[in-house]
């Protein structure tokens, strides 16, 4: 490729010699960066009005409380020949009702060896990010569970050995790639993946067929239930995408979702997803019921007001008819800064998921600086 570029420059110089001349000494001064980095720092404040009928209210016995959060994130990549070193570091601080806590997490820390365009290997702590869903991912077998209230949050990975194969074609089957992941679990190594000594092999095959993205996933574990799943995404129009996922384990538990993303000609983005799981999970977790419908609407520069966006998000439990509503506004005029303010409310009967939460309604402010 370098020889081709140099030849092209020589021909251009000869053809247009009367117009300009090229100094090859300048070419030697061009340096390719051996590293890149990015990150952010953000601070959040929540003022929360409490639900006096919540089962956990007696532990507070007051009308409101305040919470403070801080987070710093840093991603770094270093390139050397065919090897890339990558790490993601995150520090968190929280003060919830005057109870302080701080955590420091290495989300990712791995080496990537890319032999060529077809073969590469990853070794170390890495986030897999399997699945096509925005709020839920039934086939994310080797990822930590996504939080639908904050689906874009960076997640900590697991320490794995990962082989990847990729091949591009020039027919209806445009691309195929294959992932093979080995994950070892002990009492102090990947201990929160499966809390016992076990070995896991996860496989994923990706196909791009006639502009349809398809994944087939399988997880084998020598101690617990195996899992398999499939997902897809496709554009019905350039501004209209649909996607779906289905994941199942040998013990009979399965979950699925179907969703869409639509962008109107007046810059309104609509994201909608229906999620179903055939068995309820522990009520100590969020979204423990069977059926949910989540919608988010984001309008860029409403009424031609520059640097502003407004959004509305509704998370609805279809089994008990409880829900959470959020209405917010984002301001981006200041370079590298994002200011996000929203108000929210949980509603439903006292025995429902959202109606029984400790927080009844809240206001939330986030200031984020990206670099």
Protein backbone atom coordinates (compact mmCIF):
# COMPACT_ATOMS: atom_id res chain seq x y z
CA UNK A 1 0.00 0.00 0.00
CA UNK A 2 2.84 2.38 0.82
CA UNK A 3 4.50 1.67 -2.57
CA UNK A 4 1.21 2.33 -4.35
CA UNK A 5 0.78 5.66 -2.54
CA UNK A 6 4.32 6.74 -3.40
CA UNK A 7 3.85 5.83 -7.07
CA UNK A 8 0.61 7.76 -7.18
CA UNK A 9 2.33 10.83 -5.77
CA UNK A 10 5.10 10.60 -8.39
CA UNK A 11 2.59 10.40 -11.26
CA UNK A 12 0.64 13.33 -9.87
CA UNK A 13 3.83 15.39 -9.69
CA UNK A 14 4.69 14.67 -13.33
CA UNK A 15 1.20 15.36 -14.62
CA UNK A 16 0.78 18.63 -12.80
CA UNK A 17 4.39 19.80 -12.61
CA UNK A 18 3.46 23.19 -14.06
CA UNK A 19 0.95 23.80 -11.29
CA UNK A 20 2.91 22.73 -8.24
CA UNK A 21 5.80 20.61 -7.04
CA UNK A 22 5.88 18.07 -4.23
CA UNK A 23 8.59 18.01 -1.59
CA UNK A 24 9.34 14.40 -0.65
CA UNK A 25 11.14 15.62 2.44
CA UNK A 26 7.76 16.64 3.83
CA UNK A 27 6.52 13.08 3.38
CA UNK A 28 9.21 11.80 5.70
CA UNK A 29 8.07 14.22 8.41
CA UNK A 30 4.60 12.67 8.57
CA UNK A 31 4.40 10.55 11.69
CA UNK A 32 1.80 7.88 12.32
CA UNK A 33 0.51 8.05 15.89
CA UNK A 34 1.39 5.01 17.95
CA UNK A 35 -1.34 5.67 20.51
CA UNK A 36 -4.77 7.21 21.00
CA UNK A 37 -6.92 7.97 24.01
CA UNK A 38 -10.27 9.39 25.05
CA UNK A 39 -12.35 9.66 28.14
CA UNK A 40 -14.74 11.70 30.19
CA UNK A 41 -15.43 13.11 33.65
CA UNK A 42 -18.98 13.50 34.85
CA UNK A 43 -20.83 14.58 37.97
CA UNK A 44 -24.47 13.90 38.84
CA UNK A 45 -26.95 15.08 41.44
CA UNK A 46 -30.31 13.50 42.22
CA UNK A 47 -33.00 14.96 44.47
CA UNK A 48 -35.48 12.19 45.27
CA UNK A 49 -38.92 12.35 46.86
CA UNK A 50 -39.66 9.12 48.71
CA UNK A 51 -42.62 6.79 48.43
CA UNK A 52 -44.19 6.45 51.89
CA UNK A 53 -45.95 3.20 50.90
CA UNK A 54 -42.76 1.44 49.78
CA UNK A 55 -41.74 -1.60 51.88
CA UNK A 56 -38.30 -0.02 52.34
CA UNK A 57 -39.61 3.40 53.42
CA UNK A 58 -39.45 2.71 57.22
CA UNK A 59 -35.65 2.52 56.92
CA UNK A 60 -35.62 6.18 55.80
CA UNK A 61 -38.62 7.76 57.53
CA UNK A 62 -38.26 11.13 55.77
CA UNK A 63 -39.81 12.83 52.74
CA UNK A 64 -36.73 13.18 50.50
CA UNK A 65 -33.04 12.48 50.10
CA UNK A 66 -30.15 13.61 47.91
CA UNK A 67 -27.56 11.58 46.03
CA UNK A 68 -24.26 12.64 44.47
CA UNK A 69 -22.30 10.66 41.88
CA UNK A 70 -18.95 11.15 40.18
CA UNK A 71 -17.32 9.11 37.45
CA UNK A 72 -14.04 9.29 35.53
CA UNK A 73 -13.40 7.12 32.48
CA UNK A 74 -10.20 6.72 30.47
CA UNK A 75 -9.57 4.61 27.36
CA UNK A 76 -6.04 4.16 25.98
CA UNK A 77 -4.69 2.25 22.96
CA UNK A 78 -1.08 1.69 22.00
CA UNK A 79 -0.14 0.29 18.59
CA UNK A 80 3.06 -1.60 17.81
CA UNK A 81 3.33 -3.47 14.52
CA UNK A 82 0.56 -6.12 14.62
CA UNK A 83 -0.09 -5.77 18.34
CA UNK A 84 -2.51 -3.38 20.06
CA UNK A 85 -2.61 -2.83 23.80
CA UNK A 86 -5.91 -1.44 25.11
CA UNK A 87 -7.17 -0.53 28.55
CA UNK A 88 -10.26 1.11 30.00
CA UNK A 89 -10.11 2.48 33.53
CA UNK A 90 -13.03 3.80 35.55
CA UNK A 91 -13.33 5.44 38.96
CA UNK A 92 -16.68 5.99 40.68
CA UNK A 93 -17.76 7.99 43.71
CA UNK A 94 -21.25 7.99 45.23
CA UNK A 95 -22.82 9.69 48.20
CA UNK A 96 -26.31 8.27 48.71
CA UNK A 97 -28.11 9.88 51.61
CA UNK A 98 -24.75 10.77 53.23
CA UNK A 99 -23.33 7.26 52.83
CA UNK A 100 -20.14 7.48 50.79
CA UNK A 101 -18.49 4.83 48.64
CA UNK A 102 -15.85 4.80 45.92
CA UNK A 103 -14.74 2.10 43.47
CA UNK A 104 -11.89 1.78 40.98
CA UNK A 105 -12.41 -0.67 38.14
CA UNK A 106 -10.34 -1.92 35.23
CA UNK A 107 -13.07 -2.45 32.64
CA UNK A 108 -10.69 -3.75 30.01
CA UNK A 109 -7.00 -4.63 29.86
CA UNK A 110 -5.99 -6.82 26.93
CA UNK A 111 -3.61 -7.41 24.05
CA UNK A 112 -4.84 -7.78 20.49
CA UNK A 113 -2.68 -9.55 17.93
CA UNK A 114 -3.91 -9.05 14.36
CA UNK A 115 -2.06 -11.44 12.11
CA UNK A 116 -3.91 -10.16 9.02
CA UNK A 117 -7.40 -9.04 7.98
CA UNK A 118 -8.73 -12.56 8.62
CA UNK A 119 -7.19 -13.68 11.90
CA UNK A 120 -6.73 -12.01 15.28
CA UNK A 121 -6.43 -12.99 18.94
CA UNK A 122 -7.39 -11.11 22.13
CA UNK A 123 -5.95 -12.03 25.51
CA UNK A 124 -6.92 -10.33 28.75
CA UNK A 125 -9.88 -8.56 30.31
CA UNK A 126 -12.32 -7.59 27.58
CA UNK A 127 -15.97 -6.57 27.21
CA UNK A 128 -17.75 -8.66 24.58
CA UNK A 129 -20.90 -6.53 23.90
CA UNK A 130 -22.90 -9.30 22.21
CA UNK A 131 -26.43 -8.59 21.03
CA UNK A 132 -28.39 -6.07 18.97
CA UNK A 133 -30.82 -4.76 21.60
CA UNK A 134 -30.54 -1.24 23.01
CA UNK A 135 -32.12 -1.80 26.46
CA UNK A 136 -31.81 -5.60 26.82
CA UNK A 137 -29.51 -8.28 25.36
CA UNK A 138 -30.77 -11.89 25.73
CA UNK A 139 -27.71 -13.33 23.94
CA UNK A 140 -25.08 -11.38 25.89
CA UNK A 141 -23.89 -14.64 27.43
CA UNK A 142 -20.41 -13.42 28.43
CA UNK A 143 -21.31 -9.82 29.35
CA UNK A 144 -22.44 -8.36 32.61
CA UNK A 145 -26.15 -7.61 32.61
CA UNK A 146 -27.14 -4.34 30.99
CA UNK A 147 -29.09 -1.78 33.04
CA UNK A 148 -32.05 -0.59 30.91
CA UNK A 149 -32.22 2.65 32.92
CA UNK A 150 -28.66 3.44 31.76
CA UNK A 151 -28.01 1.23 28.69
CA UNK A 152 -25.01 3.21 27.41
CA UNK A 153 -22.98 2.79 30.60
CA UNK A 154 -19.52 1.26 30.21
CA UNK A 155 -19.36 -2.26 31.61
CA UNK A 156 -16.55 -4.29 33.15
CA UNK A 157 -15.40 -7.23 31.07
CA UNK A 158 -14.11 -10.69 31.93
CA UNK A 159 -10.61 -12.11 31.48
CA UNK A 160 -10.74 -14.32 28.39
CA UNK A 161 -8.84 -15.84 25.50
CA UNK A 162 -10.61 -14.86 22.28
CA UNK A 163 -9.93 -15.92 18.69
CA UNK A 164 -11.64 -13.98 15.88
CA UNK A 165 -11.92 -14.87 12.21
CA UNK A 166 -13.27 -12.51 9.54
CA UNK A 167 -13.84 -12.92 5.80
CA UNK A 168 -15.32 -10.50 3.25
CA UNK A 169 -17.13 -11.66 0.10
CA UNK A 170 -18.50 -9.95 -3.01
CA UNK A 171 -21.90 -11.68 -3.28
CA UNK A 172 -25.15 -11.91 -1.30
CA UNK A 173 -23.16 -13.17 1.68
CA UNK A 174 -21.04 -10.06 2.15
CA UNK A 175 -19.24 -10.88 5.38
CA UNK A 176 -18.76 -13.73 7.85
CA UNK A 177 -16.93 -13.62 11.17
CA UNK A 178 -16.42 -16.11 13.97
CA UNK A 179 -15.63 -15.63 17.67
CA UNK A 180 -14.37 -18.37 19.98
CA UNK A 181 -13.98 -17.40 23.65
CA UNK A 182 -12.52 -19.39 26.54
CA UNK A 183 -13.33 -18.19 30.06
CA UNK A 184 -12.03 -19.84 33.24
CA UNK A 185 -13.82 -19.29 36.56
CA UNK A 186 -12.37 -19.83 40.04
CA UNK A 187 -13.09 -18.42 43.48
CA UNK A 188 -10.89 -15.40 42.76
CA UNK A 189 -10.72 -15.31 38.93
CA UNK A 190 -13.79 -14.18 36.97
CA UNK A 191 -15.54 -15.15 40.20
CA UNK A 192 -18.77 -13.25 39.51
CA UNK A 193 -19.36 -14.94 36.14
CA UNK A 194 -20.18 -18.34 37.62
CA UNK A 195 -19.50 -18.54 41.34
CA UNK A 196 -17.66 -21.86 41.25
CA UNK A 197 -14.77 -23.57 39.48
CA UNK A 198 -15.87 -24.03 35.88
CA UNK A 199 -14.79 -23.73 32.28
CA UNK A 200 -16.78 -21.85 29.66
CA UNK A 201 -16.49 -21.86 25.88
CA UNK A 202 -18.61 -19.31 24.03
CA UNK A 203 -19.01 -19.24 20.26
CA UNK A 204 -20.55 -16.59 18.01
CA UNK A 205 -20.94 -16.58 14.23
CA UNK A 206 -21.82 -13.34 12.47
CA UNK A 207 -23.26 -13.11 8.95
CA UNK A 208 -23.97 -10.08 6.79
CA UNK A 209 -26.39 -11.44 4.21
CA UNK A 210 -28.16 -9.05 1.80
CA UNK A 211 -27.73 -6.19 4.31
CA UNK A 212 -29.17 -8.27 7.17
CA UNK A 213 -26.94 -8.69 10.25
CA UNK A 214 -27.35 -12.10 11.89
CA UNK A 215 -25.59 -13.62 14.91
CA UNK A 216 -25.72 -17.21 16.19
CA UNK A 217 -24.38 -17.65 19.73
CA UNK A 218 -23.68 -20.69 21.91
CA UNK A 219 -22.25 -21.07 25.42
CA UNK A 220 -20.96 -24.33 26.91
CA UNK A 221 -20.20 -24.59 30.64
CA UNK A 222 -18.96 -27.80 32.27
CA UNK A 223 -20.88 -27.19 35.53
CA UNK A 224 -24.04 -25.24 34.67
CA UNK A 225 -26.66 -24.93 31.95
CA UNK A 226 -25.57 -24.34 28.37
CA UNK A 227 -27.10 -21.51 26.34
CA UNK A 228 -27.81 -20.71 22.72
CA UNK A 229 -29.29 -17.73 20.91
CA UNK A 230 -29.75 -15.76 17.73
CA UNK A 231 -30.15 -12.09 16.88
CA UNK A 232 -30.67 -9.95 13.79
CA UNK A 233 -30.89 -6.36 12.62
CA UNK A 234 -31.87 -4.92 9.26
CA UNK A 235 -32.74 -1.59 7.68
CA UNK A 236 -36.19 -1.47 6.09
CA UNK A 237 -35.22 2.04 4.95
CA UNK A 238 -32.10 4.11 5.50
CA UNK A 239 -33.83 5.73 8.48
CA UNK A 240 -35.76 2.71 9.77
CA UNK A 241 -34.04 -0.24 11.49
CA UNK A 242 -35.58 -3.28 13.18
CA UNK A 243 -33.80 -5.80 15.40
CA UNK A 244 -34.49 -8.81 17.55
CA UNK A 245 -32.88 -11.34 19.91
CA UNK A 246 -33.71 -14.72 21.37
CA UNK A 247 -31.69 -16.51 24.02
CA UNK A 248 -32.36 -19.83 25.76
CA UNK A 249 -30.61 -22.03 28.34
CA UNK A 250 -30.82 -25.79 28.85
CA UNK A 251 -32.62 -25.31 32.17
CA UNK A 252 -35.67 -23.93 30.33
CA UNK A 253 -35.22 -20.21 30.89
CA UNK A 254 -35.51 -18.07 27.77
CA UNK A 255 -35.92 -14.42 26.86
CA UNK A 256 -36.53 -12.47 23.70
CA UNK A 257 -36.91 -8.94 22.40
CA UNK A 258 -38.06 -7.14 19.31
CA UNK A 259 -37.21 -3.51 18.67
CA UNK A 260 -36.93 -0.69 16.21
CA UNK A 261 -35.09 2.57 15.67
CA UNK A 262 -36.63 5.23 13.45
CA UNK A 263 -35.35 8.68 12.49
CA UNK A 264 -37.89 11.12 11.05
CA UNK A 265 -37.10 13.84 8.52
CA UNK A 266 -37.41 16.42 11.33
CA UNK A 267 -34.73 14.74 13.50
CA UNK A 268 -36.95 12.87 15.93
CA UNK A 269 -35.32 9.56 16.95
CA UNK A 270 -37.62 6.80 18.21
CA UNK A 271 -36.26 3.69 19.95
CA UNK A 272 -38.79 1.06 21.01
CA UNK A 273 -38.27 -2.44 22.43
CA UNK A 274 -40.53 -5.19 23.70
CA UNK A 275 -38.82 -7.63 26.11
CA UNK A 276 -40.10 -10.98 27.38
CA UNK A 277 -38.63 -13.52 29.81
CA UNK A 278 -40.58 -16.69 30.58
CA UNK A 279 -39.62 -16.79 34.26
CA UNK A 280 -39.44 -14.04 36.83
CA UNK A 281 -36.00 -13.35 38.30
CA UNK A 282 -35.28 -12.29 41.87
CA UNK A 283 -37.28 -9.27 42.98
CA UNK A 284 -34.08 -7.82 44.38
CA UNK A 285 -33.15 -7.07 40.74
CA UNK A 286 -34.64 -4.44 38.48
CA UNK A 287 -36.93 -5.68 35.69
CA UNK A 288 -37.75 -8.95 37.40
CA UNK A 289 -41.19 -9.48 35.82
CA UNK A 290 -42.08 -11.19 32.50
CA UNK A 291 -42.99 -8.47 29.96
CA UNK A 292 -41.73 -4.92 29.38
CA UNK A 293 -42.20 -2.26 26.74
CA UNK A 294 -39.67 0.60 26.63
CA UNK A 295 -39.84 3.68 24.40
CA UNK A 296 -37.48 6.62 24.06
CA UNK A 297 -38.14 9.70 21.91
CA UNK A 298 -35.37 12.25 21.31
CA UNK A 299 -35.98 15.48 19.38
CA UNK A 300 -32.89 17.34 18.15
CA UNK A 301 -33.07 21.16 18.22
CA UNK A 302 -36.84 21.48 18.82
CA UNK A 303 -38.38 24.62 17.32
CA UNK A 304 -34.95 25.27 15.74
CA UNK A 305 -33.40 26.02 19.12
CA UNK A 306 -29.71 25.36 18.55
CA UNK A 307 -27.62 23.15 20.87
CA UNK A 308 -30.68 21.73 22.65
CA UNK A 309 -32.35 18.31 22.52
CA UNK A 310 -35.35 17.08 24.46
CA UNK A 311 -36.23 13.48 25.25
CA UNK A 312 -38.98 11.41 26.81
CA UNK A 313 -38.55 7.84 28.06
CA UNK A 314 -41.20 5.42 29.28
CA UNK A 315 -40.46 2.02 30.85
CA UNK A 316 -43.66 0.00 31.21
CA UNK A 317 -44.22 -3.29 33.04
CA UNK A 318 -46.97 -4.97 30.99
CA UNK A 319 -47.72 -7.55 33.71
CA UNK A 320 -48.58 -5.21 36.61
CA UNK A 321 -49.18 -1.94 34.66
CA UNK A 322 -46.56 0.01 36.59
CA UNK A 323 -44.16 2.38 34.86
CA UNK A 324 -41.41 4.96 35.07
CA UNK A 325 -41.49 8.18 33.03
CA UNK A 326 -38.59 10.54 32.35
CA UNK A 327 -38.61 13.91 30.62
CA UNK A 328 -35.28 15.63 29.96
CA UNK A 329 -33.34 18.29 28.10
CA UNK A 330 -29.71 18.23 26.85
CA UNK A 331 -27.53 21.29 26.20
CA UNK A 332 -24.32 21.00 24.12
CA UNK A 333 -23.20 24.52 23.14
CA UNK A 334 -20.09 24.49 25.34
CA UNK A 335 -17.33 22.57 23.56
CA UNK A 336 -16.78 19.04 24.95
CA UNK A 337 -19.42 19.61 27.65
CA UNK A 338 -22.87 18.03 27.88
CA UNK A 339 -25.45 19.20 30.41
CA UNK A 340 -28.39 16.84 30.93
CA UNK A 341 -31.35 17.63 33.19
CA UNK A 342 -34.42 15.46 33.66
CA UNK A 343 -37.34 14.77 35.94
CA UNK A 344 -38.87 11.34 36.52
CA UNK A 345 -41.65 9.53 38.33
CA UNK A 346 -42.41 5.93 39.27
CA UNK A 347 -46.11 5.07 39.26
CA UNK A 348 -48.35 2.06 39.90
CA UNK A 349 -50.14 0.26 42.69
CA UNK A 350 -48.32 -0.33 45.97
CA UNK A 351 -47.67 -4.01 45.14
CA UNK A 352 -46.28 -3.39 41.61
CA UNK A 353 -42.63 -3.15 40.55
CA UNK A 354 -42.36 0.58 39.92
CA UNK A 355 -45.15 1.51 42.35
CA UNK A 356 -43.32 -0.12 45.27
CA UNK A 357 -39.94 1.50 44.67
CA UNK A 358 -38.48 3.67 47.43
CA UNK A 359 -38.24 6.69 45.13
CA UNK A 360 -41.56 8.21 44.04
CA UNK A 361 -40.26 11.06 41.84
CA UNK A 362 -36.91 12.71 41.26
CA UNK A 363 -34.91 15.39 39.50
CA UNK A 364 -31.54 14.54 37.97
CA UNK A 365 -28.70 16.74 36.74
CA UNK A 366 -25.57 15.51 34.95
CA UNK A 367 -22.59 17.53 33.73
CA UNK A 368 -20.15 15.64 31.51
CA UNK A 369 -16.81 16.66 30.01
CA UNK A 370 -15.38 14.59 27.14
CA UNK A 371 -11.75 14.61 26.03
